[in-house]
Amino acid sequence: MPELRSRHLCTYRANLATPQQAIGKGHFGQRMIAVVTGGHFKGDRLSGKVLEGGGDWATIDEGDTLQLDARVTWETNDGALIYLSYRGILKPLSVGIELASRGGPKDEAEASRLYFRTIPIFETGDERYRWLADIVAVGVGRALGGAVEYELFEIL
């Protein structure tokens, strides 16, 4: 069986408005909306800023799991626009809240208390970055105070 390999795509940080919008219990769990106010991304093949106006329309289930449903727009340093959407899991949410309240995990032991993974999908009309639409990527997240940060990896 082939071994799963990856290569680092970029580090992506999304700054979030506070407080987040707690909608309340709906059909799919507690709805929480986090509005993205900016941020940045940096890697060997693409770097730039996160545009204001995206967000995460997350749900929280009774098992202390946050299910992400995020959409943001990136602008590369050379002017391309890239639409990024991702689903993911953050659990346990109570640990994510605790770590974020302290500005994020202080070491790997703290970081390992939280399972925070995403599956990003990219769209762009810019030919220079069309290759993004043809890759599978995963993200490993960290909950920070007022932001989230991901290490994104291309699966080879």
N, C-alpha and C. Protein backbone atom coordinates (compact mmCIF):
# COMPACT_ATOMS: atom_id res chain seq x y z
N MET A 1 0.85 -1.17 0.00
CA MET A 1 0.00 0.00 0.00
C MET A 1 0.90 1.24 0.00
N PRO A 2 0.56 2.24 -0.82
CA PRO A 2 1.40 3.46 -0.87
C PRO A 2 1.32 4.25 0.44
N GLU A 3 2.41 4.90 0.75
CA GLU A 3 2.48 5.73 1.95
C GLU A 3 1.93 7.12 1.63
N LEU A 4 1.21 7.69 2.56
CA LEU A 4 0.68 9.05 2.40
C LEU A 4 1.81 10.04 2.63
N ARG A 5 2.03 10.92 1.64
CA ARG A 5 3.08 11.93 1.76
C ARG A 5 2.46 13.31 1.60
N SER A 6 3.12 14.31 2.13
CA SER A 6 2.62 15.68 2.02
C SER A 6 3.78 16.65 1.91
N ARG A 7 3.44 17.87 1.49
CA ARG A 7 4.42 18.96 1.53
C ARG A 7 3.71 20.22 2.00
N HIS A 8 4.44 21.02 2.75
CA HIS A 8 3.87 22.24 3.31
C HIS A 8 3.43 23.18 2.21
N LEU A 9 2.21 23.64 2.29
CA LEU A 9 1.67 24.59 1.31
C LEU A 9 1.83 26.01 1.83
N CYS A 10 1.34 26.27 3.04
CA CYS A 10 1.48 27.60 3.63
C CYS A 10 0.99 27.60 5.07
N THR A 11 1.33 28.66 5.78
CA THR A 11 0.76 28.95 7.08
C THR A 11 -0.31 30.01 6.84
N TYR A 12 -1.50 29.77 7.36
CA TYR A 12 -2.66 30.63 7.11
C TYR A 12 -3.24 31.07 8.45
N ARG A 13 -3.38 32.38 8.61
CA ARG A 13 -3.96 32.93 9.83
C ARG A 13 -5.18 33.76 9.47
N ALA A 14 -6.29 33.50 10.15
CA ALA A 14 -7.52 34.27 9.98
C ALA A 14 -7.82 34.99 11.29
N ASN A 15 -7.90 36.31 11.22
CA ASN A 15 -8.28 37.10 12.39
C ASN A 15 -9.80 37.13 12.46
N LEU A 16 -10.33 37.03 13.68
CA LEU A 16 -11.77 36.91 13.88
C LEU A 16 -12.32 38.06 14.70
N ALA A 17 -13.51 38.52 14.31
CA ALA A 17 -14.21 39.55 15.08
C ALA A 17 -14.64 38.96 16.42
N THR A 18 -14.64 39.79 17.44
CA THR A 18 -15.14 39.35 18.74
C THR A 18 -16.19 40.34 19.20
N PRO A 19 -17.24 39.91 19.85
CA PRO A 19 -17.54 38.50 20.09
C PRO A 19 -18.07 37.83 18.83
N GLN A 20 -18.03 36.51 18.83
CA GLN A 20 -18.61 35.77 17.73
C GLN A 20 -20.12 35.71 17.91
N GLN A 21 -20.82 35.47 16.83
CA GLN A 21 -22.29 35.49 16.85
C GLN A 21 -22.82 34.12 17.27
N ALA A 22 -23.40 34.04 18.46
CA ALA A 22 -23.99 32.79 18.95
C ALA A 22 -25.48 32.81 18.59
N ILE A 23 -25.87 32.07 17.57
CA ILE A 23 -27.24 32.08 17.06
C ILE A 23 -28.17 31.27 17.96
N GLY A 24 -27.66 30.21 18.55
CA GLY A 24 -28.47 29.36 19.40
C GLY A 24 -28.71 28.01 18.76
N LYS A 25 -29.51 27.19 19.45
CA LYS A 25 -29.75 25.81 19.00
C LYS A 25 -30.70 25.80 17.82
N GLY A 26 -30.25 25.11 16.77
CA GLY A 26 -31.06 24.93 15.57
C GLY A 26 -31.17 23.46 15.24
N HIS A 27 -31.54 23.18 14.01
CA HIS A 27 -31.72 21.79 13.57
C HIS A 27 -30.45 20.96 13.64
N PHE A 28 -29.29 21.59 13.46
CA PHE A 28 -28.05 20.85 13.34
C PHE A 28 -27.12 21.04 14.53
N GLY A 29 -27.59 21.69 15.58
CA GLY A 29 -26.78 21.97 16.75
C GLY A 29 -26.74 23.46 17.02
N GLN A 30 -25.88 23.85 17.95
CA GLN A 30 -25.69 25.26 18.26
C GLN A 30 -24.98 25.93 17.10
N ARG A 31 -25.56 26.98 16.55
CA ARG A 31 -24.94 27.69 15.42
C ARG A 31 -24.12 28.85 15.96
N MET A 32 -22.87 28.95 15.48
CA MET A 32 -21.97 30.03 15.86
C MET A 32 -21.31 30.56 14.60
N ILE A 33 -21.35 31.88 14.41
CA ILE A 33 -20.75 32.49 13.23
C ILE A 33 -19.56 33.33 13.66
N ALA A 34 -18.42 33.05 13.05
CA ALA A 34 -17.19 33.81 13.31
C ALA A 34 -16.87 34.61 12.05
N VAL A 35 -16.86 35.92 12.14
CA VAL A 35 -16.59 36.79 11.00
C VAL A 35 -15.09 37.02 10.89
N VAL A 36 -14.56 36.82 9.68
CA VAL A 36 -13.13 37.01 9.42
C VAL A 36 -12.87 38.48 9.11
N THR A 37 -11.93 39.08 9.82
CA THR A 37 -11.62 40.51 9.66
C THR A 37 -10.32 40.75 8.91
N GLY A 38 -9.64 39.70 8.50
CA GLY A 38 -8.36 39.82 7.79
C GLY A 38 -7.45 38.68 8.16
N GLY A 39 -6.19 38.85 7.86
CA GLY A 39 -5.20 37.84 8.16
C GLY A 39 -4.16 37.76 7.06
N HIS A 40 -3.43 36.65 7.02
CA HIS A 40 -2.38 36.49 6.02
C HIS A 40 -2.09 35.01 5.81
N PHE A 41 -1.38 34.72 4.74
CA PHE A 41 -0.91 33.38 4.45
C PHE A 41 0.47 33.49 3.83
N LYS A 42 1.33 32.51 4.13
CA LYS A 42 2.71 32.58 3.64
C LYS A 42 3.23 31.18 3.41
N GLY A 43 3.77 30.97 2.20
CA GLY A 43 4.38 29.70 1.85
C GLY A 43 5.36 29.90 0.72
N ASP A 44 6.02 28.83 0.32
CA ASP A 44 7.02 28.91 -0.76
C ASP A 44 6.38 29.25 -2.11
N ARG A 45 5.14 28.78 -2.34
CA ARG A 45 4.52 28.97 -3.65
C ARG A 45 3.40 29.99 -3.68
N LEU A 46 2.96 30.45 -2.54
CA LEU A 46 1.93 31.48 -2.50
C LEU A 46 1.94 32.19 -1.16
N SER A 47 1.75 33.50 -1.20
CA SER A 47 1.71 34.34 -0.01
C SER A 47 0.80 35.52 -0.29
N GLY A 48 0.23 36.08 0.77
CA GLY A 48 -0.61 37.25 0.60
C GLY A 48 -1.43 37.53 1.84
N LYS A 49 -2.58 38.19 1.61
CA LYS A 49 -3.43 38.58 2.74
C LYS A 49 -4.81 37.97 2.60
N VAL A 50 -5.48 37.84 3.74
CA VAL A 50 -6.85 37.37 3.80
C VAL A 50 -7.74 38.61 3.79
N LEU A 51 -8.70 38.64 2.87
CA LEU A 51 -9.58 39.79 2.78
C LEU A 51 -10.67 39.72 3.84
N GLU A 52 -11.09 40.87 4.28
CA GLU A 52 -12.18 40.98 5.26
C GLU A 52 -13.48 40.51 4.64
N GLY A 53 -14.34 39.92 5.46
CA GLY A 53 -15.69 39.58 5.00
C GLY A 53 -16.00 38.11 4.92
N GLY A 54 -15.02 37.26 5.07
CA GLY A 54 -15.30 35.83 5.10
C GLY A 54 -15.80 35.43 6.48
N GLY A 55 -15.99 34.14 6.66
CA GLY A 55 -16.43 33.70 7.96
C GLY A 55 -16.53 32.19 8.07
N ASP A 56 -16.90 31.77 9.25
CA ASP A 56 -17.12 30.36 9.55
C ASP A 56 -18.52 30.22 10.13
N TRP A 57 -19.37 29.45 9.46
CA TRP A 57 -20.74 29.20 9.88
C TRP A 57 -20.76 27.85 10.58
N ALA A 58 -20.18 27.80 11.76
CA ALA A 58 -19.93 26.55 12.48
C ALA A 58 -21.16 26.08 13.25
N THR A 59 -21.19 24.77 13.50
CA THR A 59 -22.18 24.19 14.42
C THR A 59 -21.44 23.45 15.53
N ILE A 60 -22.07 23.44 16.68
CA ILE A 60 -21.50 22.79 17.85
C ILE A 60 -22.48 21.71 18.29
N ASP A 61 -22.02 20.46 18.36
CA ASP A 61 -22.93 19.39 18.75
C ASP A 61 -22.85 19.15 20.26
N GLU A 62 -23.65 18.23 20.73
CA GLU A 62 -23.71 17.95 22.17
C GLU A 62 -22.49 17.19 22.68
N GLY A 63 -21.62 16.75 21.78
CA GLY A 63 -20.41 16.04 22.17
C GLY A 63 -19.20 16.94 22.28
N ASP A 64 -19.43 18.30 22.34
CA ASP A 64 -18.34 19.27 22.49
C ASP A 64 -17.46 19.33 21.24
N THR A 65 -18.07 19.08 20.07
CA THR A 65 -17.36 19.13 18.79
C THR A 65 -17.89 20.30 17.97
N LEU A 66 -16.98 21.13 17.47
CA LEU A 66 -17.31 22.22 16.57
C LEU A 66 -17.05 21.74 15.15
N GLN A 67 -18.05 21.84 14.30
CA GLN A 67 -17.91 21.47 12.89
C GLN A 67 -17.81 22.75 12.08
N LEU A 68 -16.66 22.96 11.47
CA LEU A 68 -16.40 24.18 10.71
C LEU A 68 -17.05 24.14 9.34
N ASP A 69 -17.44 25.31 8.85
CA ASP A 69 -17.97 25.51 7.50
C ASP A 69 -17.54 26.92 7.10
N ALA A 70 -16.28 27.06 6.68
CA ALA A 70 -15.67 28.38 6.49
C ALA A 70 -15.49 28.72 5.01
N ARG A 71 -15.53 30.04 4.74
CA ARG A 71 -15.30 30.57 3.39
C ARG A 71 -14.56 31.89 3.52
N VAL A 72 -13.45 32.02 2.81
CA VAL A 72 -12.67 33.25 2.83
C VAL A 72 -12.10 33.53 1.44
N THR A 73 -11.67 34.77 1.24
CA THR A 73 -10.98 35.14 0.00
C THR A 73 -9.57 35.56 0.34
N TRP A 74 -8.63 34.99 -0.40
CA TRP A 74 -7.23 35.37 -0.29
C TRP A 74 -6.88 36.28 -1.46
N GLU A 75 -5.97 37.22 -1.22
CA GLU A 75 -5.36 38.00 -2.29
C GLU A 75 -3.86 37.77 -2.21
N THR A 76 -3.29 37.21 -3.27
CA THR A 76 -1.86 36.92 -3.27
C THR A 76 -1.06 38.22 -3.40
N ASN A 77 0.21 38.14 -3.06
CA ASN A 77 1.08 39.32 -3.17
C ASN A 77 1.20 39.82 -4.61
N ASP A 78 0.91 38.96 -5.60
CA ASP A 78 0.95 39.39 -6.99
C ASP A 78 -0.44 39.63 -7.59
N GLY A 79 -1.45 39.82 -6.71
CA GLY A 79 -2.75 40.32 -7.14
C GLY A 79 -3.81 39.31 -7.51
N ALA A 80 -3.57 38.01 -7.37
CA ALA A 80 -4.59 37.01 -7.69
C ALA A 80 -5.57 36.88 -6.53
N LEU A 81 -6.83 36.63 -6.86
CA LEU A 81 -7.84 36.33 -5.85
C LEU A 81 -8.09 34.82 -5.84
N ILE A 82 -8.11 34.26 -4.64
CA ILE A 82 -8.34 32.83 -4.46
C ILE A 82 -9.45 32.66 -3.43
N TYR A 83 -10.49 31.93 -3.83
CA TYR A 83 -11.58 31.60 -2.91
C TYR A 83 -11.23 30.29 -2.22
N LEU A 84 -11.31 30.28 -0.91
CA LEU A 84 -10.96 29.12 -0.10
C LEU A 84 -12.17 28.76 0.75
N SER A 85 -12.62 27.53 0.63
CA SER A 85 -13.68 27.05 1.52
C SER A 85 -13.16 25.79 2.20
N TYR A 86 -13.61 25.58 3.42
CA TYR A 86 -13.16 24.37 4.11
C TYR A 86 -14.15 23.95 5.17
N ARG A 87 -14.22 22.66 5.32
CA ARG A 87 -14.94 22.02 6.41
C ARG A 87 -13.89 21.44 7.34
N GLY A 88 -14.30 21.17 8.55
CA GLY A 88 -13.35 20.60 9.48
C GLY A 88 -13.95 20.30 10.83
N ILE A 89 -13.12 19.81 11.71
CA ILE A 89 -13.49 19.41 13.06
C ILE A 89 -12.55 20.04 14.06
N LEU A 90 -13.10 20.59 15.12
CA LEU A 90 -12.34 21.07 16.28
C LEU A 90 -12.98 20.41 17.49
N LYS A 91 -12.18 19.60 18.22
CA LYS A 91 -12.72 18.94 19.41
C LYS A 91 -11.61 18.65 20.40
N PRO A 92 -11.91 18.70 21.66
CA PRO A 92 -13.12 19.22 22.26
C PRO A 92 -13.12 20.76 22.24
N LEU A 93 -14.29 21.31 21.95
CA LEU A 93 -14.41 22.76 21.86
C LEU A 93 -14.03 23.44 23.16
N SER A 94 -14.35 22.82 24.29
CA SER A 94 -14.01 23.42 25.59
C SER A 94 -12.50 23.63 25.71
N VAL A 95 -11.70 22.71 25.18
CA VAL A 95 -10.24 22.87 25.21
C VAL A 95 -9.82 23.98 24.26
N GLY A 96 -10.45 24.05 23.07
CA GLY A 96 -10.16 25.13 22.13
C GLY A 96 -10.42 26.50 22.74
N ILE A 97 -11.52 26.63 23.45
CA ILE A 97 -11.86 27.89 24.11
C ILE A 97 -10.83 28.22 25.19
N GLU A 98 -10.46 27.21 25.97
CA GLU A 98 -9.46 27.41 27.03
C GLU A 98 -8.13 27.87 26.44
N LEU A 99 -7.65 27.18 25.41
CA LEU A 99 -6.37 27.54 24.81
C LEU A 99 -6.42 28.92 24.16
N ALA A 100 -7.51 29.22 23.47
CA ALA A 100 -7.65 30.53 22.82
C ALA A 100 -7.67 31.66 23.85
N SER A 101 -8.28 31.41 25.01
CA SER A 101 -8.36 32.45 26.04
C SER A 101 -6.98 32.81 26.59
N ARG A 102 -6.03 31.88 26.41
CA ARG A 102 -4.64 32.13 26.86
C ARG A 102 -3.73 32.49 25.70
N GLY A 103 -4.31 32.77 24.52
CA GLY A 103 -3.50 33.16 23.37
C GLY A 103 -3.01 32.01 22.53
N GLY A 104 -3.46 30.79 22.84
CA GLY A 104 -3.06 29.61 22.08
C GLY A 104 -2.21 28.68 22.91
N PRO A 105 -1.94 27.49 22.37
CA PRO A 105 -1.12 26.52 23.12
C PRO A 105 0.30 27.01 23.30
N LYS A 106 0.88 26.73 24.45
CA LYS A 106 2.24 27.17 24.76
C LYS A 106 3.31 26.19 24.30
N ASP A 107 2.91 24.92 24.07
CA ASP A 107 3.87 23.91 23.64
C ASP A 107 3.11 22.78 22.95
N GLU A 108 3.85 21.80 22.47
CA GLU A 108 3.24 20.67 21.74
C GLU A 108 2.32 19.85 22.62
N ALA A 109 2.65 19.72 23.90
CA ALA A 109 1.80 18.96 24.82
C ALA A 109 0.42 19.60 24.92
N GLU A 110 0.38 20.93 25.04
CA GLU A 110 -0.92 21.63 25.07
C GLU A 110 -1.62 21.51 23.72
N ALA A 111 -0.89 21.68 22.65
CA ALA A 111 -1.49 21.61 21.31
C ALA A 111 -2.10 20.24 21.05
N SER A 112 -1.49 19.19 21.59
CA SER A 112 -1.99 17.83 21.35
C SER A 112 -3.31 17.54 22.07
N ARG A 113 -3.73 18.42 22.95
CA ARG A 113 -5.02 18.25 23.64
C ARG A 113 -6.20 18.54 22.72
N LEU A 114 -5.93 19.17 21.57
CA LEU A 114 -6.99 19.62 20.67
C LEU A 114 -6.83 18.95 19.31
N TYR A 115 -7.91 18.36 18.81
CA TYR A 115 -7.95 17.84 17.45
C TYR A 115 -8.62 18.92 16.60
N PHE A 116 -7.86 19.50 15.65
CA PHE A 116 -8.35 20.63 14.85
C PHE A 116 -7.83 20.43 13.43
N ARG A 117 -8.67 19.87 12.56
CA ARG A 117 -8.28 19.53 11.20
C ARG A 117 -9.30 20.09 10.21
N THR A 118 -8.80 20.48 9.03
CA THR A 118 -9.66 21.01 7.98
C THR A 118 -9.30 20.40 6.64
N ILE A 119 -10.23 20.52 5.69
CA ILE A 119 -10.02 20.07 4.32
C ILE A 119 -10.35 21.24 3.40
N PRO A 120 -9.35 22.05 3.03
CA PRO A 120 -9.61 23.21 2.18
C PRO A 120 -9.77 22.84 0.70
N ILE A 121 -10.61 23.62 0.03
CA ILE A 121 -10.81 23.53 -1.42
C ILE A 121 -10.58 24.93 -1.98
N PHE A 122 -9.83 25.01 -3.07
CA PHE A 122 -9.45 26.30 -3.65
C PHE A 122 -10.13 26.51 -5.00
N GLU A 123 -10.48 27.78 -5.28
CA GLU A 123 -11.00 28.18 -6.58
C GLU A 123 -10.36 29.50 -6.96
N THR A 124 -10.00 29.62 -8.24
CA THR A 124 -9.46 30.89 -8.74
C THR A 124 -9.61 30.95 -10.25
N GLY A 125 -9.75 32.14 -10.78
CA GLY A 125 -9.74 32.36 -12.21
C GLY A 125 -8.37 32.73 -12.72
N ASP A 126 -7.39 32.85 -11.84
CA ASP A 126 -6.04 33.25 -12.22
C ASP A 126 -5.23 32.01 -12.61
N GLU A 127 -4.78 31.98 -13.86
CA GLU A 127 -4.06 30.82 -14.39
C GLU A 127 -2.82 30.47 -13.57
N ARG A 128 -2.18 31.47 -12.96
CA ARG A 128 -0.96 31.21 -12.19
C ARG A 128 -1.22 30.31 -10.98
N TYR A 129 -2.46 30.28 -10.51
CA TYR A 129 -2.79 29.51 -9.30
C TYR A 129 -3.83 28.43 -9.56
N ARG A 130 -4.12 28.12 -10.82
CA ARG A 130 -5.09 27.08 -11.14
C ARG A 130 -4.69 25.73 -10.56
N TRP A 131 -3.40 25.51 -10.37
CA TRP A 131 -2.92 24.25 -9.81
C TRP A 131 -3.55 23.96 -8.45
N LEU A 132 -3.96 25.00 -7.73
CA LEU A 132 -4.58 24.80 -6.42
C LEU A 132 -5.89 24.01 -6.51
N ALA A 133 -6.62 24.18 -7.62
CA ALA A 133 -7.88 23.47 -7.81
C ALA A 133 -7.66 21.98 -8.05
N ASP A 134 -6.44 21.59 -8.35
CA ASP A 134 -6.13 20.20 -8.69
C ASP A 134 -5.38 19.46 -7.59
N ILE A 135 -5.38 20.01 -6.38
CA ILE A 135 -4.69 19.32 -5.28
C ILE A 135 -5.69 18.98 -4.17
N VAL A 136 -5.31 18.02 -3.37
CA VAL A 136 -6.01 17.73 -2.12
C VAL A 136 -5.12 18.28 -1.01
N ALA A 137 -5.74 19.02 -0.11
CA ALA A 137 -4.99 19.63 0.98
C ALA A 137 -5.67 19.33 2.31
N VAL A 138 -4.88 19.39 3.37
CA VAL A 138 -5.41 19.28 4.73
C VAL A 138 -4.77 20.39 5.56
N GLY A 139 -5.48 20.80 6.59
CA GLY A 139 -4.97 21.81 7.50
C GLY A 139 -4.96 21.30 8.93
N VAL A 140 -3.95 21.70 9.66
CA VAL A 140 -3.85 21.42 11.09
C VAL A 140 -3.93 22.76 11.79
N GLY A 141 -4.98 22.94 12.62
CA GLY A 141 -5.25 24.25 13.19
C GLY A 141 -4.81 24.42 14.63
N ARG A 142 -4.73 25.71 15.00
CA ARG A 142 -4.47 26.12 16.38
C ARG A 142 -5.46 27.22 16.72
N ALA A 143 -6.06 27.14 17.87
CA ALA A 143 -6.97 28.18 18.36
C ALA A 143 -6.16 29.22 19.10
N LEU A 144 -6.21 30.46 18.63
CA LEU A 144 -5.48 31.56 19.24
C LEU A 144 -6.48 32.59 19.74
N GLY A 145 -6.08 33.47 20.60
CA GLY A 145 -6.97 34.53 21.04
C GLY A 145 -7.30 35.47 19.88
N GLY A 146 -8.55 35.52 19.43
CA GLY A 146 -8.96 36.42 18.36
C GLY A 146 -8.56 35.98 16.97
N ALA A 147 -8.06 34.76 16.82
CA ALA A 147 -7.63 34.26 15.51
C ALA A 147 -7.53 32.74 15.54
N VAL A 148 -7.47 32.18 14.34
CA VAL A 148 -7.11 30.78 14.17
C VAL A 148 -5.95 30.73 13.19
N GLU A 149 -5.11 29.73 13.34
CA GLU A 149 -3.96 29.59 12.45
C GLU A 149 -3.86 28.14 12.02
N TYR A 150 -3.57 27.94 10.74
CA TYR A 150 -3.48 26.60 10.17
C TYR A 150 -2.14 26.42 9.47
N GLU A 151 -1.61 25.23 9.56
CA GLU A 151 -0.54 24.78 8.69
C GLU A 151 -1.26 23.96 7.61
N LEU A 152 -1.19 24.43 6.37
CA LEU A 152 -1.84 23.72 5.27
C LEU A 152 -0.81 22.88 4.53
N PHE A 153 -1.20 21.65 4.19
CA PHE A 153 -0.33 20.70 3.51
C PHE A 153 -0.99 20.17 2.26
N GLU A 154 -0.24 20.11 1.18
CA GLU A 154 -0.68 19.45 -0.03
C GLU A 154 -0.42 17.96 0.13
N ILE A 155 -1.42 17.13 -0.14
CA ILE A 155 -1.24 15.69 -0.11
C ILE A 155 -0.70 15.25 -1.47
N LEU A 156 0.42 14.57 -1.47
CA LEU A 156 1.09 14.17 -2.72
C LEU A 156 0.64 12.80 -3.18
